[in-house]
Amino acid sequence: MMQRDEAAMSVRGFIPDPGASGSRVAVSTHDRAEATRLLRRSYPRLSVEVAASTAPFVFRQSAFGDGRIVSTELMLAGAARASGSFHDGSVAVGEVLAGGLSAEYPRLRIDTDQPFLQPSGPGRMHLDDLHLRMTVLDAEAFRRAAERYEHDGAHHRLARSAPVSVAAGAAWRWTATHIQRSVRDPRTLDNPIIAGELFDLAVRSLLSCFAEPSEHRDSGDISAAPRAVRRAVAYLEEHALDSVSIPDVADAARISVRSLQALFRRHLGVSPVEHLHAIRLEAARRDLLRGEGASVHAVAERWGFGNSGRFARLYQQRFGERPSATLRAQR
């Protein structure tokens, strides 16, 4: 329960804290129309509708932070739906702490059972007795900070909505909890050194959890690699549908197997086999997006994944959704 008389003050707006560098907001209401208005005010590019019902209704939202980082918490005892753009101009990570949330974007259905990176552009959400935490970073501040963590030409691309691993998701939850507790203390944001360290922690954790892994580097990285690596990659792409052996790849690259392995690790961050898996996963996704193949199993088998369960796991780690969801969206 919020520590105030909600009957006397059902809505509380932005509360400036004298002497603090951040802002705080806390709102609460039992009125559905008022909750709709509050949500639309928070997300002006959204179309929001709170479902009518005779059941008891409660809506609460709080936000603490500054111009670079904000931790928000939303609690809804009831149901609502929303469509449109949610966090343009920012990088936002959500966590469902309780209740239900479904989120869909063009060709992408978000797995809300784990922390998720909010995609840009329009989407649709359905909320049901939801307790949601969002950690929101200013996109430009995030970009500038991320540049400091780029090494050896490796660029961080937030091209996935799901954590790279279960451990990464758990690490993000710890970070988000720490951020939430810290920004609630006005002394944190009032101290530029502590505030800066907190923001850097958020950036590093977000990159570790959601940035495209090294094996997903784009063609620009490959074009900068030695000629032998480029020859090997061209061979792998040409023979992605064939049974490929590492000695064959080394012969095509005109180097030894040992040199091939070392050059791939040094310049691409992966082994030749891992890079072949990435090529095949990308090809399988293209087939699924085109609706080609009668089933996920058929597409997986076509691209050399005999175990459908392993294919589904690798696919979700890379693209943030199950292959069945990709195929279903095209039908």
C-alpha atoms as a PDB file:
ATOM      1  CA  MET A   1       0.000   0.000   0.000  1.00  0.00           C
ATOM      2  CA  MET A   2       1.177   3.500  -0.743  1.00  0.00           C
ATOM      3  CA  GLN A   3       1.853   5.559   2.329  1.00  0.00           C
ATOM      4  CA  ARG A   4      -0.789   8.283   1.889  1.00  0.00           C
ATOM      5  CA  ASP A   5      -4.543   8.789   1.902  1.00  0.00           C
ATOM      6  CA  GLU A   6      -5.464   7.634  -1.612  1.00  0.00           C
ATOM      7  CA  ALA A   7      -9.074   8.779  -1.230  1.00  0.00           C
ATOM      8  CA  ALA A   8      -7.905  12.317  -0.619  1.00  0.00           C
ATOM      9  CA  MET A   9      -5.172  12.266  -3.287  1.00  0.00           C
ATOM     10  CA  SER A  10      -5.687   9.647  -5.976  1.00  0.00           C
ATOM     11  CA  VAL A  11      -3.154  11.188  -8.344  1.00  0.00           C
ATOM     12  CA  ARG A  12       0.279  12.484  -7.547  1.00  0.00           C
ATOM     13  CA  GLY A  13       2.290  14.083 -10.330  1.00  0.00           C
ATOM     14  CA  PHE A  14       5.962  14.873 -10.747  1.00  0.00           C
ATOM     15  CA  ILE A  15       7.480  15.679  -7.395  1.00  0.00           C
ATOM     16  CA  PRO A  16      10.616  17.809  -7.586  1.00  0.00           C
ATOM     17  CA  ASP A  17      13.024  17.103  -4.778  1.00  0.00           C
ATOM     18  CA  PRO A  18      14.763  20.317  -3.692  1.00  0.00           C
ATOM     19  CA  GLY A  19      18.518  19.978  -4.007  1.00  0.00           C
ATOM     20  CA  ALA A  20      18.345  16.709  -5.967  1.00  0.00           C
ATOM     21  CA  SER A  21      19.396  16.221  -9.586  1.00  0.00           C
ATOM     22  CA  GLY A  22      16.662  13.730 -10.386  1.00  0.00           C
ATOM     23  CA  SER A  23      12.890  13.668 -10.539  1.00  0.00           C
ATOM     24  CA  ARG A  24      10.334  11.409  -8.910  1.00  0.00           C
ATOM     25  CA  VAL A  25       6.785  10.604  -9.910  1.00  0.00           C
ATOM     26  CA  ALA A  26       4.162   8.489  -8.183  1.00  0.00           C
ATOM     27  CA  VAL A  27       0.577   8.051  -9.325  1.00  0.00           C
ATOM     28  CA  SER A  28      -2.239   5.886  -7.997  1.00  0.00           C
ATOM     29  CA  THR A  29      -5.932   5.557  -8.758  1.00  0.00           C
ATOM     30  CA  HIS A  30      -8.897   3.184  -8.452  1.00  0.00           C
ATOM     31  CA  ASP A  31     -10.661   4.794 -11.409  1.00  0.00           C
ATOM     32  CA  ARG A  32     -10.278   3.129 -14.822  1.00  0.00           C
ATOM     33  CA  ALA A  33     -10.824   6.320 -16.805  1.00  0.00           C
ATOM     34  CA  GLU A  34      -8.200   8.092 -14.730  1.00  0.00           C
ATOM     35  CA  ALA A  35      -5.768   5.183 -15.224  1.00  0.00           C
ATOM     36  CA  THR A  36      -6.298   5.419 -18.984  1.00  0.00           C
ATOM     37  CA  ARG A  37      -5.588   9.135 -18.892  1.00  0.00           C
ATOM     38  CA  LEU A  38      -2.437   8.617 -16.836  1.00  0.00           C
ATOM     39  CA  LEU A  39      -1.118   5.948 -19.190  1.00  0.00           C
ATOM     40  CA  ARG A  40      -1.772   8.149 -22.206  1.00  0.00           C
ATOM     41  CA  ARG A  41       0.032  11.012 -20.514  1.00  0.00           C
ATOM     42  CA  SER A  42       3.041   8.787 -19.785  1.00  0.00           C
ATOM     43  CA  TYR A  43       3.031   7.294 -23.300  1.00  0.00           C
ATOM     44  CA  PRO A  44       1.561   9.926 -25.649  1.00  0.00           C
ATOM     45  CA  ARG A  45       2.217   7.830 -28.776  1.00  0.00           C
ATOM     46  CA  LEU A  46       0.152   4.940 -27.434  1.00  0.00           C
ATOM     47  CA  SER A  47      -3.495   4.069 -27.861  1.00  0.00           C
ATOM     48  CA  VAL A  48      -4.503   2.718 -24.438  1.00  0.00           C
ATOM     49  CA  GLU A  49      -7.708   1.061 -23.286  1.00  0.00           C
ATOM     50  CA  VAL A  50      -8.354  -0.213 -19.763  1.00  0.00           C
ATOM     51  CA  ALA A  51     -10.891  -3.041 -19.790  1.00  0.00           C
ATOM     52  CA  ALA A  52     -14.236  -2.441 -18.121  1.00  0.00           C
ATOM     53  CA  SER A  53     -15.079  -4.736 -15.206  1.00  0.00           C
ATOM     54  CA  THR A  54     -16.979  -4.833 -11.939  1.00  0.00           C
ATOM     55  CA  ALA A  55     -13.944  -6.297 -10.144  1.00  0.00           C
ATOM     56  CA  PRO A  56     -11.880  -4.064  -7.823  1.00  0.00           C
ATOM     57  CA  PHE A  57      -9.376  -2.002  -9.787  1.00  0.00           C
ATOM     58  CA  VAL A  58      -6.032  -0.474  -8.811  1.00  0.00           C
ATOM     59  CA  PHE A  59      -3.448   1.301 -10.942  1.00  0.00           C
ATOM     60  CA  ARG A  60      -0.091   2.476  -9.581  1.00  0.00           C
ATOM     61  CA  GLN A  61       2.963   3.808 -11.329  1.00  0.00           C
ATOM     62  CA  SER A  62       6.216   5.260 -10.056  1.00  0.00           C
ATOM     63  CA  ALA A  63       9.315   6.590 -11.777  1.00  0.00           C
ATOM     64  CA  PHE A  64      12.645   7.698 -10.333  1.00  0.00           C
ATOM     65  CA  GLY A  65      15.642   8.953 -12.273  1.00  0.00           C
ATOM     66  CA  ASP A  66      17.217  11.782 -14.214  1.00  0.00           C
ATOM     67  CA  GLY A  67      17.724  12.747 -17.837  1.00  0.00           C
ATOM     68  CA  ARG A  68      19.845   9.669 -18.586  1.00  0.00           C
ATOM     69  CA  ILE A  69      18.292   6.807 -16.623  1.00  0.00           C
ATOM     70  CA  VAL A  70      14.838   6.176 -15.153  1.00  0.00           C
ATOM     71  CA  SER A  71      13.503   3.170 -13.254  1.00  0.00           C
ATOM     72  CA  THR A  72       9.735   2.827 -13.551  1.00  0.00           C
ATOM     73  CA  GLU A  73       7.342   0.408 -11.885  1.00  0.00           C
ATOM     74  CA  LEU A  74       3.774  -0.237 -12.968  1.00  0.00           C
ATOM     75  CA  MET A  75       1.121  -2.220 -11.081  1.00  0.00           C
ATOM     76  CA  LEU A  76      -2.286  -2.913 -12.609  1.00  0.00           C
ATOM     77  CA  ALA A  77      -4.997  -4.940 -10.877  1.00  0.00           C
ATOM     78  CA  GLY A  78      -7.160  -5.504 -13.935  1.00  0.00           C
ATOM     79  CA  ALA A  79      -6.679  -5.738 -17.686  1.00  0.00           C
ATOM     80  CA  ALA A  80      -5.643  -3.285 -20.391  1.00  0.00           C
ATOM     81  CA  ARG A  81      -4.358  -3.221 -23.920  1.00  0.00           C
ATOM     82  CA  ALA A  82      -2.159  -0.751 -25.758  1.00  0.00           C
ATOM     83  CA  SER A  83      -0.796  -0.252 -29.259  1.00  0.00           C
ATOM     84  CA  GLY A  84       1.697   2.166 -30.761  1.00  0.00           C
ATOM     85  CA  SER A  85       5.229   3.258 -29.936  1.00  0.00           C
ATOM     86  CA  PHE A  86       6.316   2.932 -26.336  1.00  0.00           C
ATOM     87  CA  HIS A  87       9.803   4.306 -25.784  1.00  0.00           C
ATOM     88  CA  ASP A  88      10.999   6.244 -28.836  1.00  0.00           C
ATOM     89  CA  GLY A  89      14.319   7.992 -28.242  1.00  0.00           C
ATOM     90  CA  SER A  90      15.314   5.609 -25.464  1.00  0.00           C
ATOM     91  CA  VAL A  91      16.626   2.141 -24.741  1.00  0.00           C
ATOM     92  CA  ALA A  92      14.238   0.288 -22.429  1.00  0.00           C
ATOM     93  CA  VAL A  93      14.402  -3.116 -20.734  1.00  0.00           C
ATOM     94  CA  GLY A  94      11.284  -4.622 -19.167  1.00  0.00           C
ATOM     95  CA  GLU A  95      10.764  -7.309 -16.540  1.00  0.00           C
ATOM     96  CA  VAL A  96       7.458  -8.879 -15.593  1.00  0.00           C
ATOM     97  CA  LEU A  97       7.602  -9.212 -11.800  1.00  0.00           C
ATOM     98  CA  ALA A  98       4.094 -10.692 -11.541  1.00  0.00           C
ATOM     99  CA  GLY A  99       0.964 -11.129 -13.616  1.00  0.00           C
ATOM    100  CA  GLY A 100       0.706 -11.415 -17.380  1.00  0.00           C
ATOM    101  CA  LEU A 101       2.026  -9.437 -20.323  1.00  0.00           C
ATOM    102  CA  SER A 102       1.985 -10.313 -24.018  1.00  0.00           C
ATOM    103  CA  ALA A 103       3.890  -8.093 -26.441  1.00  0.00           C
ATOM    104  CA  GLU A 104       3.921  -8.372 -30.208  1.00  0.00           C
ATOM    105  CA  TYR A 105       5.788  -6.423 -32.869  1.00  0.00           C
ATOM    106  CA  PRO A 106       5.927  -6.941 -36.637  1.00  0.00           C
ATOM    107  CA  ARG A 107       7.466 -10.403 -37.136  1.00  0.00           C
ATOM    108  CA  LEU A 108       8.411 -10.580 -33.471  1.00  0.00           C
ATOM    109  CA  ARG A 109       6.684 -11.862 -30.365  1.00  0.00           C
ATOM    110  CA  ILE A 110       8.469 -10.953 -27.140  1.00  0.00           C
ATOM    111  CA  ASP A 111       9.215 -13.615 -24.541  1.00  0.00           C
ATOM    112  CA  THR A 112       8.134 -11.771 -21.398  1.00  0.00           C
ATOM    113  CA  ASP A 113       9.056 -14.658 -19.098  1.00  0.00           C
ATOM    114  CA  GLN A 114      12.554 -13.187 -19.060  1.00  0.00           C
ATOM    115  CA  PRO A 115      13.935  -9.635 -19.205  1.00  0.00           C
ATOM    116  CA  PHE A 116      13.285  -8.157 -22.644  1.00  0.00           C
ATOM    117  CA  LEU A 117      14.659  -5.275 -24.646  1.00  0.00           C
ATOM    118  CA  GLN A 118      11.790  -3.131 -25.872  1.00  0.00           C
ATOM    119  CA  PRO A 119      11.915  -3.035 -29.700  1.00  0.00           C
ATOM    120  CA  SER A 120      11.611   0.297 -31.463  1.00  0.00           C
ATOM    121  CA  GLY A 121       8.581   1.095 -33.557  1.00  0.00           C
ATOM    122  CA  PRO A 122       4.909   0.268 -33.078  1.00  0.00           C
ATOM    123  CA  GLY A 123       3.727  -2.790 -31.194  1.00  0.00           C
ATOM    124  CA  ARG A 124       0.794  -4.242 -29.278  1.00  0.00           C
ATOM    125  CA  MET A 125       0.590  -5.187 -25.599  1.00  0.00           C
ATOM    126  CA  HIS A 126      -2.003  -6.925 -23.458  1.00  0.00           C
ATOM    127  CA  LEU A 127      -1.703  -6.420 -19.685  1.00  0.00           C
ATOM    128  CA  ASP A 128      -3.399  -8.629 -17.110  1.00  0.00           C
ATOM    129  CA  ASP A 129      -2.936  -8.079 -13.347  1.00  0.00           C
ATOM    130  CA  LEU A 130       0.519  -6.871 -14.242  1.00  0.00           C
ATOM    131  CA  HIS A 131       3.484  -5.833 -12.115  1.00  0.00           C
ATOM    132  CA  LEU A 132       6.121  -4.499 -14.521  1.00  0.00           C
ATOM    133  CA  ARG A 133       9.513  -2.877 -14.036  1.00  0.00           C
ATOM    134  CA  MET A 134      11.128  -0.875 -16.835  1.00  0.00           C
ATOM    135  CA  THR A 135      14.665   0.480 -16.861  1.00  0.00           C
ATOM    136  CA  VAL A 136      14.872   3.272 -19.434  1.00  0.00           C
ATOM    137  CA  LEU A 137      18.089   4.855 -20.745  1.00  0.00           C
ATOM    138  CA  ASP A 138      18.337   7.896 -22.986  1.00  0.00           C
ATOM    139  CA  ALA A 139      19.312   6.552 -26.421  1.00  0.00           C
ATOM    140  CA  GLU A 140      21.908   9.207 -27.254  1.00  0.00           C
ATOM    141  CA  ALA A 141      23.563   8.981 -23.820  1.00  0.00           C
ATOM    142  CA  PHE A 142      23.574   5.200 -24.162  1.00  0.00           C
ATOM    143  CA  ARG A 143      25.180   5.391 -27.611  1.00  0.00           C
ATOM    144  CA  ARG A 144      27.959   7.690 -26.392  1.00  0.00           C
ATOM    145  CA  ALA A 145      28.674   5.492 -23.382  1.00  0.00           C
ATOM    146  CA  ALA A 146      28.612   2.287 -25.447  1.00  0.00           C
ATOM    147  CA  GLU A 147      31.313   3.662 -27.741  1.00  0.00           C
ATOM    148  CA  ARG A 148      33.733   3.555 -24.824  1.00  0.00           C
ATOM    149  CA  TYR A 149      33.328  -0.209 -24.598  1.00  0.00           C
ATOM    150  CA  GLU A 150      34.023  -0.930 -28.274  1.00  0.00           C
ATOM    151  CA  HIS A 151      37.339  -2.644 -28.801  1.00  0.00           C
ATOM    152  CA  ASP A 152      39.176  -3.866 -31.911  1.00  0.00           C
ATOM    153  CA  GLY A 153      36.466  -2.554 -34.206  1.00  0.00           C
ATOM    154  CA  ALA A 154      33.708  -4.613 -32.574  1.00  0.00           C
ATOM    155  CA  HIS A 155      30.477  -2.630 -32.588  1.00  0.00           C
ATOM    156  CA  HIS A 156      27.709  -3.297 -30.100  1.00  0.00           C
ATOM    157  CA  ARG A 157      24.372  -3.799 -31.866  1.00  0.00           C
ATOM    158  CA  LEU A 158      21.199  -4.262 -29.862  1.00  0.00           C
ATOM    159  CA  ALA A 159      19.685  -6.591 -32.447  1.00  0.00           C
ATOM    160  CA  ARG A 160      17.921  -8.995 -30.086  1.00  0.00           C
ATOM    161  CA  SER A 161      15.089  -8.691 -27.593  1.00  0.00           C
ATOM    162  CA  ALA A 162      16.024 -11.650 -25.370  1.00  0.00           C
ATOM    163  CA  PRO A 163      19.082 -12.076 -23.113  1.00  0.00           C
ATOM    164  CA  VAL A 164      22.015 -13.924 -24.649  1.00  0.00           C
ATOM    165  CA  SER A 165      21.738 -16.541 -21.875  1.00  0.00           C
ATOM    166  CA  VAL A 166      19.864 -17.418 -18.698  1.00  0.00           C
ATOM    167  CA  ALA A 167      22.841 -16.188 -16.672  1.00  0.00           C
ATOM    168  CA  ALA A 168      22.826 -12.859 -18.530  1.00  0.00           C
ATOM    169  CA  GLY A 169      19.129 -12.449 -17.774  1.00  0.00           C
ATOM    170  CA  ALA A 170      19.729 -13.127 -14.084  1.00  0.00           C
ATOM    171  CA  ALA A 171      22.586 -10.608 -14.064  1.00  0.00           C
ATOM    172  CA  TRP A 172      20.328  -7.980 -15.603  1.00  0.00           C
ATOM    173  CA  ARG A 173      17.658  -8.562 -12.939  1.00  0.00           C
ATOM    174  CA  TRP A 174      20.261  -7.897 -10.247  1.00  0.00           C
ATOM    175  CA  THR A 175      21.396  -4.743 -12.043  1.00  0.00           C
ATOM    176  CA  ALA A 176      17.838  -3.453 -12.508  1.00  0.00           C
ATOM    177  CA  THR A 177      17.061  -4.028  -8.829  1.00  0.00           C
ATOM    178  CA  HIS A 178      20.237  -2.192  -7.831  1.00  0.00           C
ATOM    179  CA  ILE A 179      19.381   0.714 -10.159  1.00  0.00           C
ATOM    180  CA  GLN A 180      15.843   0.917  -8.805  1.00  0.00           C
ATOM    181  CA  ARG A 181      17.017   1.042  -5.196  1.00  0.00           C
ATOM    182  CA  SER A 182      19.759   3.553  -5.982  1.00  0.00           C
ATOM    183  CA  VAL A 183      17.684   6.100  -7.919  1.00  0.00           C
ATOM    184  CA  ARG A 184      15.039   6.111  -5.199  1.00  0.00           C
ATOM    185  CA  ASP A 185      17.669   7.722  -2.978  1.00  0.00           C
ATOM    186  CA  PRO A 186      17.889  11.386  -4.120  1.00  0.00           C
ATOM    187  CA  ARG A 187      21.489  11.544  -2.871  1.00  0.00           C
ATOM    188  CA  THR A 188      22.528   9.105  -5.620  1.00  0.00           C
ATOM    189  CA  LEU A 189      21.564  11.369  -8.506  1.00  0.00           C
ATOM    190  CA  ASP A 190      22.703  14.454  -6.636  1.00  0.00           C
ATOM    191  CA  ASN A 191      26.273  13.115  -6.708  1.00  0.00           C
ATOM    192  CA  PRO A 192      27.568  13.271 -10.310  1.00  0.00           C
ATOM    193  CA  ILE A 193      30.273  10.655  -9.683  1.00  0.00           C
ATOM    194  CA  ILE A 194      27.887   8.090  -8.214  1.00  0.00           C
ATOM    195  CA  ALA A 195      25.238   8.877 -10.834  1.00  0.00           C
ATOM    196  CA  GLY A 196      27.809   8.443 -13.600  1.00  0.00           C
ATOM    197  CA  GLU A 197      28.974   5.103 -12.238  1.00  0.00           C
ATOM    198  CA  LEU A 198      25.384   3.898 -11.955  1.00  0.00           C
ATOM    199  CA  PHE A 199      24.666   4.842 -15.566  1.00  0.00           C
ATOM    200  CA  ASP A 200      27.843   3.127 -16.764  1.00  0.00           C
ATOM    201  CA  LEU A 201      26.831  -0.004 -14.851  1.00  0.00           C
ATOM    202  CA  ALA A 202      23.473   0.050 -16.626  1.00  0.00           C
ATOM    203  CA  VAL A 203      25.143   0.426 -20.034  1.00  0.00           C
ATOM    204  CA  ARG A 204      27.679  -2.358 -19.440  1.00  0.00           C
ATOM    205  CA  SER A 205      25.030  -4.717 -18.099  1.00  0.00           C
ATOM    206  CA  LEU A 206      22.649  -3.986 -20.961  1.00  0.00           C
ATOM    207  CA  LEU A 207      25.384  -4.623 -23.542  1.00  0.00           C
ATOM    208  CA  SER A 208      26.402  -7.858 -21.829  1.00  0.00           C
ATOM    209  CA  CYS A 209      22.792  -9.041 -21.731  1.00  0.00           C
ATOM    210  CA  PHE A 210      21.388  -7.927 -25.091  1.00  0.00           C
ATOM    211  CA  ALA A 211      24.150  -6.875 -27.501  1.00  0.00           C
ATOM    212  CA  GLU A 212      24.669  -9.007 -30.580  1.00  0.00           C
ATOM    213  CA  PRO A 213      27.268 -11.675 -29.684  1.00  0.00           C
ATOM    214  CA  SER A 214      30.615 -11.541 -31.447  1.00  0.00           C
ATOM    215  CA  GLU A 215      29.697 -14.355 -33.817  1.00  0.00           C
ATOM    216  CA  HIS A 216      26.976 -12.130 -35.279  1.00  0.00           C
ATOM    217  CA  ARG A 217      29.276  -9.457 -36.590  1.00  0.00           C
ATOM    218  CA  ASP A 218      28.250  -7.983 -39.885  1.00  0.00           C
ATOM    219  CA  SER A 219      29.917  -8.162 -43.298  1.00  0.00           C
ATOM    220  CA  GLY A 220      31.922  -5.040 -42.495  1.00  0.00           C
ATOM    221  CA  ASP A 221      33.886  -7.003 -39.907  1.00  0.00           C
ATOM    222  CA  ILE A 222      34.497  -9.830 -42.383  1.00  0.00           C
ATOM    223  CA  SER A 223      35.607  -7.450 -45.133  1.00  0.00           C
ATOM    224  CA  ALA A 224      38.296  -6.123 -42.796  1.00  0.00           C
ATOM    225  CA  ALA A 225      39.574  -9.641 -42.027  1.00  0.00           C
ATOM    226  CA  PRO A 226      42.585 -11.218 -43.799  1.00  0.00           C
ATOM    227  CA  ARG A 227      42.065 -12.631 -47.269  1.00  0.00           C
ATOM    228  CA  ALA A 228      42.291 -16.210 -45.998  1.00  0.00           C
ATOM    229  CA  VAL A 229      39.363 -15.596 -43.609  1.00  0.00           C
ATOM    230  CA  ARG A 230      37.298 -14.047 -46.392  1.00  0.00           C
ATOM    231  CA  ARG A 231      37.990 -17.037 -48.623  1.00  0.00           C
ATOM    232  CA  ALA A 232      36.925 -19.393 -45.812  1.00  0.00           C
ATOM    233  CA  VAL A 233      33.718 -17.435 -45.164  1.00  0.00           C
ATOM    234  CA  ALA A 234      32.876 -17.419 -48.882  1.00  0.00           C
ATOM    235  CA  TYR A 235      33.353 -21.199 -48.961  1.00  0.00           C
ATOM    236  CA  LEU A 236      31.097 -21.683 -45.921  1.00  0.00           C
ATOM    237  CA  GLU A 237      28.376 -19.508 -47.442  1.00  0.00           C
ATOM    238  CA  GLU A 238      28.576 -21.325 -50.779  1.00  0.00           C
ATOM    239  CA  HIS A 239      28.426 -24.761 -49.135  1.00  0.00           C
ATOM    240  CA  ALA A 240      25.987 -24.007 -46.298  1.00  0.00           C
ATOM    241  CA  LEU A 241      23.650 -26.736 -47.553  1.00  0.00           C
ATOM    242  CA  ASP A 242      26.458 -29.290 -47.867  1.00  0.00           C
ATOM    243  CA  SER A 243      28.315 -31.468 -45.394  1.00  0.00           C
ATOM    244  CA  VAL A 244      31.366 -29.340 -44.615  1.00  0.00           C
ATOM    245  CA  SER A 245      34.572 -30.461 -42.949  1.00  0.00           C
ATOM    246  CA  ILE A 246      37.137 -28.128 -41.409  1.00  0.00           C
ATOM    247  CA  PRO A 247      39.986 -29.500 -43.591  1.00  0.00           C
ATOM    248  CA  ASP A 248      37.876 -28.620 -46.654  1.00  0.00           C
ATOM    249  CA  VAL A 249      37.464 -25.064 -45.377  1.00  0.00           C
ATOM    250  CA  ALA A 250      41.196 -24.801 -44.671  1.00  0.00           C
ATOM    251  CA  ASP A 251      41.992 -26.004 -48.193  1.00  0.00           C
ATOM    252  CA  ALA A 252      39.640 -23.398 -49.654  1.00  0.00           C
ATOM    253  CA  ALA A 253      41.326 -20.704 -47.539  1.00  0.00           C
ATOM    254  CA  ARG A 254      44.791 -22.026 -48.543  1.00  0.00           C
ATOM    255  CA  ILE A 255      45.980 -22.282 -44.968  1.00  0.00           C
ATOM    256  CA  SER A 256      46.372 -25.013 -42.345  1.00  0.00           C
ATOM    257  CA  VAL A 257      43.533 -26.117 -40.072  1.00  0.00           C
ATOM    258  CA  ARG A 258      45.390 -24.700 -37.078  1.00  0.00           C
ATOM    259  CA  SER A 259      45.835 -21.310 -38.778  1.00  0.00           C
ATOM    260  CA  LEU A 260      42.189 -21.311 -39.844  1.00  0.00           C
ATOM    261  CA  GLN A 261      40.981 -21.835 -36.270  1.00  0.00           C
ATOM    262  CA  ALA A 262      43.327 -19.154 -34.910  1.00  0.00           C
ATOM    263  CA  LEU A 263      42.397 -16.557 -37.560  1.00  0.00           C
ATOM    264  CA  PHE A 264      38.666 -17.070 -37.047  1.00  0.00           C
ATOM    265  CA  ARG A 265      39.030 -16.630 -33.287  1.00  0.00           C
ATOM    266  CA  ARG A 266      41.210 -13.557 -33.686  1.00  0.00           C
ATOM    267  CA  HIS A 267      39.169 -11.729 -36.330  1.00  0.00           C
ATOM    268  CA  LEU A 268      35.605 -13.056 -35.965  1.00  0.00           C
ATOM    269  CA  GLY A 269      35.577 -14.173 -32.334  1.00  0.00           C
ATOM    270  CA  VAL A 270      34.216 -17.638 -33.193  1.00  0.00           C
ATOM    271  CA  SER A 271      35.310 -20.965 -34.628  1.00  0.00           C
ATOM    272  CA  PRO A 272      34.606 -21.874 -38.275  1.00  0.00           C
ATOM    273  CA  VAL A 273      31.913 -24.315 -37.119  1.00  0.00           C
ATOM    274  CA  GLU A 274      30.202 -21.621 -35.027  1.00  0.00           C
ATOM    275  CA  HIS A 275      30.278 -19.259 -37.991  1.00  0.00           C
ATOM    276  CA  LEU A 276      28.725 -21.950 -40.200  1.00  0.00           C
ATOM    277  CA  HIS A 277      25.954 -22.386 -37.608  1.00  0.00           C
ATOM    278  CA  ALA A 278      25.327 -18.624 -37.736  1.00  0.00           C
ATOM    279  CA  ILE A 279      25.099 -18.693 -41.551  1.00  0.00           C
ATOM    280  CA  ARG A 280      22.647 -21.585 -41.425  1.00  0.00           C
ATOM    281  CA  LEU A 281      20.526 -19.955 -38.718  1.00  0.00           C
ATOM    282  CA  GLU A 282      20.274 -16.755 -40.776  1.00  0.00           C
ATOM    283  CA  ALA A 283      19.258 -18.779 -43.830  1.00  0.00           C
ATOM    284  CA  ALA A 284      16.679 -20.735 -41.818  1.00  0.00           C
ATOM    285  CA  ARG A 285      15.202 -17.480 -40.526  1.00  0.00           C
ATOM    286  CA  ARG A 286      14.870 -16.144 -44.075  1.00  0.00           C
ATOM    287  CA  ASP A 287      12.973 -19.311 -45.039  1.00  0.00           C
ATOM    288  CA  LEU A 288      10.678 -18.984 -42.027  1.00  0.00           C
ATOM    289  CA  LEU A 289      10.047 -15.287 -42.710  1.00  0.00           C
ATOM    290  CA  ARG A 290       9.069 -16.162 -46.276  1.00  0.00           C
ATOM    291  CA  GLY A 291       6.802 -18.908 -44.971  1.00  0.00           C
ATOM    292  CA  GLU A 292       8.806 -21.524 -46.816  1.00  0.00           C
ATOM    293  CA  GLY A 293       8.692 -25.040 -45.437  1.00  0.00           C
ATOM    294  CA  ALA A 294       5.757 -26.975 -44.062  1.00  0.00           C
ATOM    295  CA  SER A 295       7.160 -26.993 -40.542  1.00  0.00           C
ATOM    296  CA  VAL A 296       9.984 -25.789 -38.334  1.00  0.00           C
ATOM    297  CA  HIS A 297      11.364 -29.330 -38.386  1.00  0.00           C
ATOM    298  CA  ALA A 298      11.545 -29.281 -42.192  1.00  0.00           C
ATOM    299  CA  VAL A 299      13.387 -25.943 -42.247  1.00  0.00           C
ATOM    300  CA  ALA A 300      15.766 -27.063 -39.488  1.00  0.00           C
ATOM    301  CA  GLU A 301      16.531 -30.290 -41.332  1.00  0.00           C
ATOM    302  CA  ARG A 302      17.081 -28.439 -44.612  1.00  0.00           C
ATOM    303  CA  TRP A 303      19.789 -26.323 -42.991  1.00  0.00           C
ATOM    304  CA  GLY A 304      21.582 -29.163 -41.251  1.00  0.00           C
ATOM    305  CA  PHE A 305      19.978 -29.131 -37.798  1.00  0.00           C
ATOM    306  CA  GLY A 306      18.909 -32.720 -37.197  1.00  0.00           C
ATOM    307  CA  ASN A 307      17.791 -32.007 -33.623  1.00  0.00           C
ATOM    308  CA  SER A 308      14.754 -29.684 -33.705  1.00  0.00           C
ATOM    309  CA  GLY A 309      15.040 -28.907 -29.984  1.00  0.00           C
ATOM    310  CA  ARG A 310      18.645 -27.762 -30.326  1.00  0.00           C
ATOM    311  CA  PHE A 311      17.732 -25.740 -33.423  1.00  0.00           C
ATOM    312  CA  ALA A 312      14.901 -24.013 -31.522  1.00  0.00           C
ATOM    313  CA  ARG A 313      17.229 -23.206 -28.611  1.00  0.00           C
ATOM    314  CA  LEU A 314      19.962 -21.738 -30.848  1.00  0.00           C
ATOM    315  CA  TYR A 315      17.362 -19.841 -32.885  1.00  0.00           C
ATOM    316  CA  GLN A 316      15.778 -18.231 -29.813  1.00  0.00           C
ATOM    317  CA  GLN A 317      19.179 -17.278 -28.389  1.00  0.00           C
ATOM    318  CA  ARG A 318      20.033 -15.508 -31.630  1.00  0.00           C
ATOM    319  CA  PHE A 319      16.729 -13.893 -32.624  1.00  0.00           C
ATOM    320  CA  GLY A 320      14.811 -13.578 -29.350  1.00  0.00           C
ATOM    321  CA  GLU A 321      11.848 -15.721 -30.409  1.00  0.00           C
ATOM    322  CA  ARG A 322      11.104 -19.358 -31.133  1.00  0.00           C
ATOM    323  CA  PRO A 323      11.189 -20.457 -34.801  1.00  0.00           C
ATOM    324  CA  SER A 324       7.559 -21.581 -34.523  1.00  0.00           C
ATOM    325  CA  ALA A 325       6.584 -17.989 -33.673  1.00  0.00           C
ATOM    326  CA  THR A 326       8.410 -16.677 -36.745  1.00  0.00           C
ATOM    327  CA  LEU A 327       6.676 -19.180 -39.027  1.00  0.00           C
ATOM    328  CA  ARG A 328       3.266 -18.649 -37.436  1.00  0.00           C
ATOM    329  CA  ALA A 329       3.490 -14.882 -37.989  1.00  0.00           C
ATOM    330  CA  GLN A 330       3.742 -15.440 -41.744  1.00  0.00           C
ATOM    331  CA  ARG A 331       0.576 -17.542 -42.036  1.00  0.00           C
END
